[in-house]
Amino acid sequence: MLKLEAMGLFVDNIEVMVKFYRDAMGMAIDWDGGGYVSCKAGGISFRLCERKIMQSGIKTPFASPTGINSNMEIGFGLPSFSDVDREFARLVSAGAQPVGEPRTEPWGQRCCFVADPEGNLIELWSGNDDTP
């Protein structure tokens, strides 16, 4: 059976992206190979790789997204609704682009969206309503 152990993002500016995921998102760097960096994100390895390095080993040319990447999202669960609001404000002040303000969905989940410096969509969510 397959087990998801890692996911990666291809990036244009490795320095900016490592700084964002290390400093703003709080990920620990567990390996730094210059143009290829591995971070710890919960139980999986979160990898950042310069597009030009990855492209050098692939015969088919990449088509890189522009603007907000609508191909995927990176989701982070939080303990409570108030944590969603707090993390949204903290990440925006740390340089994330606000994409969707915190809101409570009809199915009972509170979520919001920001984008990293290269436009990759990040969702913050919780199913634990701690509002009075």
Protein backbone atom coordinates (compact mmCIF):
# COMPACT_ATOMS: atom_id res chain seq x y z
CA MET A 1 0.00 0.00 0.00
CA LEU A 2 1.24 3.48 -0.84
CA LYS A 3 1.91 5.82 2.08
CA LEU A 4 2.25 9.58 1.57
CA GLU A 5 5.52 10.56 3.20
CA ALA A 6 6.52 13.70 1.31
CA MET A 7 5.24 16.46 -0.91
CA GLY A 8 7.18 19.10 -2.75
CA LEU A 9 6.86 22.47 -4.37
CA PHE A 10 8.89 23.58 -7.34
CA VAL A 11 9.95 27.17 -6.74
CA ASP A 12 11.64 29.99 -8.60
CA ASN A 13 13.35 31.68 -5.63
CA ILE A 14 14.55 29.07 -3.14
CA GLU A 15 15.87 31.64 -0.64
CA VAL A 16 12.57 33.54 -0.39
CA MET A 17 10.53 30.36 -0.17
CA VAL A 18 12.75 28.70 2.47
CA LYS A 19 12.61 31.88 4.55
CA PHE A 20 8.80 31.97 4.31
CA TYR A 21 8.22 28.31 5.20
CA ARG A 22 10.89 28.33 7.93
CA ASP A 23 10.15 31.72 9.54
CA ALA A 24 6.45 32.38 8.84
CA MET A 25 5.12 28.81 8.72
CA GLY A 26 7.45 27.51 11.46
CA MET A 27 8.79 24.49 9.58
CA ALA A 28 12.11 23.04 10.70
CA ILE A 29 14.72 22.56 7.99
CA ASP A 30 15.99 18.99 8.17
CA TRP A 31 18.17 19.02 5.03
CA ASP A 32 19.54 21.86 2.91
CA GLY A 33 21.11 21.06 -0.42
CA GLY A 34 21.10 24.62 -1.73
CA GLY A 35 18.53 24.41 -4.50
CA TYR A 36 16.75 21.54 -2.75
CA VAL A 37 15.57 21.88 0.86
CA SER A 38 13.56 19.50 3.01
CA CYS A 39 11.41 20.70 5.92
CA LYS A 40 9.41 18.84 8.54
CA ALA A 41 5.67 19.50 8.49
CA GLY A 42 3.89 17.31 10.99
CA GLY A 43 4.48 13.73 9.93
CA ILE A 44 5.58 14.36 6.35
CA SER A 45 8.59 15.81 4.59
CA PHE A 46 7.78 19.10 2.84
CA ARG A 47 10.30 19.75 0.08
CA LEU A 48 11.21 22.86 -1.86
CA CYS A 49 13.13 22.43 -5.12
CA GLU A 50 14.21 25.06 -7.61
CA ARG A 51 12.33 24.60 -10.87
CA LYS A 52 15.52 24.86 -12.93
CA ILE A 53 17.06 21.93 -10.99
CA MET A 54 14.00 19.73 -11.40
CA GLN A 55 13.59 20.70 -15.06
CA SER A 56 17.19 19.68 -15.80
CA GLY A 57 16.30 16.03 -15.10
CA ILE A 58 12.96 15.95 -16.95
CA LYS A 59 12.63 15.81 -20.75
CA THR A 60 9.16 17.35 -20.96
CA PRO A 61 9.12 21.15 -20.40
CA PHE A 62 7.22 22.38 -17.34
CA ALA A 63 4.38 24.88 -17.60
CA SER A 64 4.58 26.90 -14.40
CA PRO A 65 1.46 28.56 -12.97
CA THR A 66 1.24 32.31 -12.55
CA GLY A 67 -0.76 34.29 -10.01
CA ILE A 68 -2.53 32.21 -7.35
CA ASN A 69 -1.85 28.53 -8.04
CA SER A 70 -5.20 26.85 -8.55
CA ASN A 71 -3.76 23.35 -9.01
CA MET A 72 -3.54 22.47 -5.32
CA GLU A 73 -3.57 23.76 -1.79
CA ILE A 74 -1.44 23.11 1.24
CA GLY A 75 -3.74 22.56 4.24
CA PHE A 76 -2.93 23.14 7.91
CA GLY A 77 -5.36 22.03 10.59
CA LEU A 78 -5.56 24.08 13.76
CA PRO A 79 -7.01 23.28 17.20
CA SER A 80 -9.81 25.89 17.21
CA PHE A 81 -11.71 28.58 15.33
CA SER A 82 -9.85 31.32 17.23
CA ASP A 83 -6.54 29.78 16.13
CA VAL A 84 -7.63 30.11 12.48
CA ASP A 85 -8.25 33.84 12.94
CA ARG A 86 -5.04 34.35 14.90
CA GLU A 87 -2.85 32.45 12.40
CA PHE A 88 -4.42 34.26 9.45
CA ALA A 89 -3.52 37.64 10.98
CA ARG A 90 -0.03 36.45 11.94
CA LEU A 91 0.75 35.04 8.49
CA VAL A 92 -0.50 38.14 6.69
CA SER A 93 1.69 40.29 8.92
CA ALA A 94 4.61 37.91 8.15
CA GLY A 95 4.20 38.48 4.39
CA ALA A 96 1.59 35.97 3.22
CA GLN A 97 -0.90 37.32 0.69
CA PRO A 98 -4.48 37.25 2.05
CA VAL A 99 -6.71 35.34 -0.37
CA GLY A 100 -9.82 34.50 1.68
CA GLU A 101 -10.69 35.98 5.08
CA PRO A 102 -11.58 33.57 7.92
CA ARG A 103 -15.17 32.37 7.66
CA THR A 104 -17.31 29.63 9.13
CA GLU A 105 -18.69 27.33 6.46
CA PRO A 106 -22.24 25.88 6.56
CA TRP A 107 -20.79 22.44 7.34
CA GLY A 108 -19.22 23.79 10.56
CA GLN A 109 -15.59 24.26 9.60
CA ARG A 110 -13.79 27.61 9.94
CA CYS A 111 -11.24 28.25 7.23
CA CYS A 112 -9.25 30.92 5.45
CA PHE A 113 -6.72 31.12 2.66
CA VAL A 114 -3.39 32.86 2.15
CA ALA A 115 -0.77 32.52 -0.56
CA ASP A 116 2.96 32.09 -0.14
CA PRO A 117 5.40 34.44 -1.95
CA GLU A 118 5.08 32.49 -5.21
CA GLY A 119 1.27 32.20 -5.14
CA ASN A 120 0.80 28.69 -3.74
CA LEU A 121 -2.52 28.48 -1.90
CA ILE A 122 -2.43 27.69 1.83
CA GLU A 123 -5.60 26.79 3.74
CA LEU A 124 -5.90 27.13 7.52
CA TRP A 125 -8.88 25.32 9.04
CA SER A 126 -10.46 23.97 12.21
CA GLY A 127 -13.59 22.01 13.05
CA ASN A 128 -13.51 23.00 16.73
CA ASP A 129 -15.82 25.95 17.46
CA ASP A 130 -14.48 27.65 20.59
CA THR A 131 -16.52 30.85 20.21
CA PRO A 132 -18.59 31.80 23.25
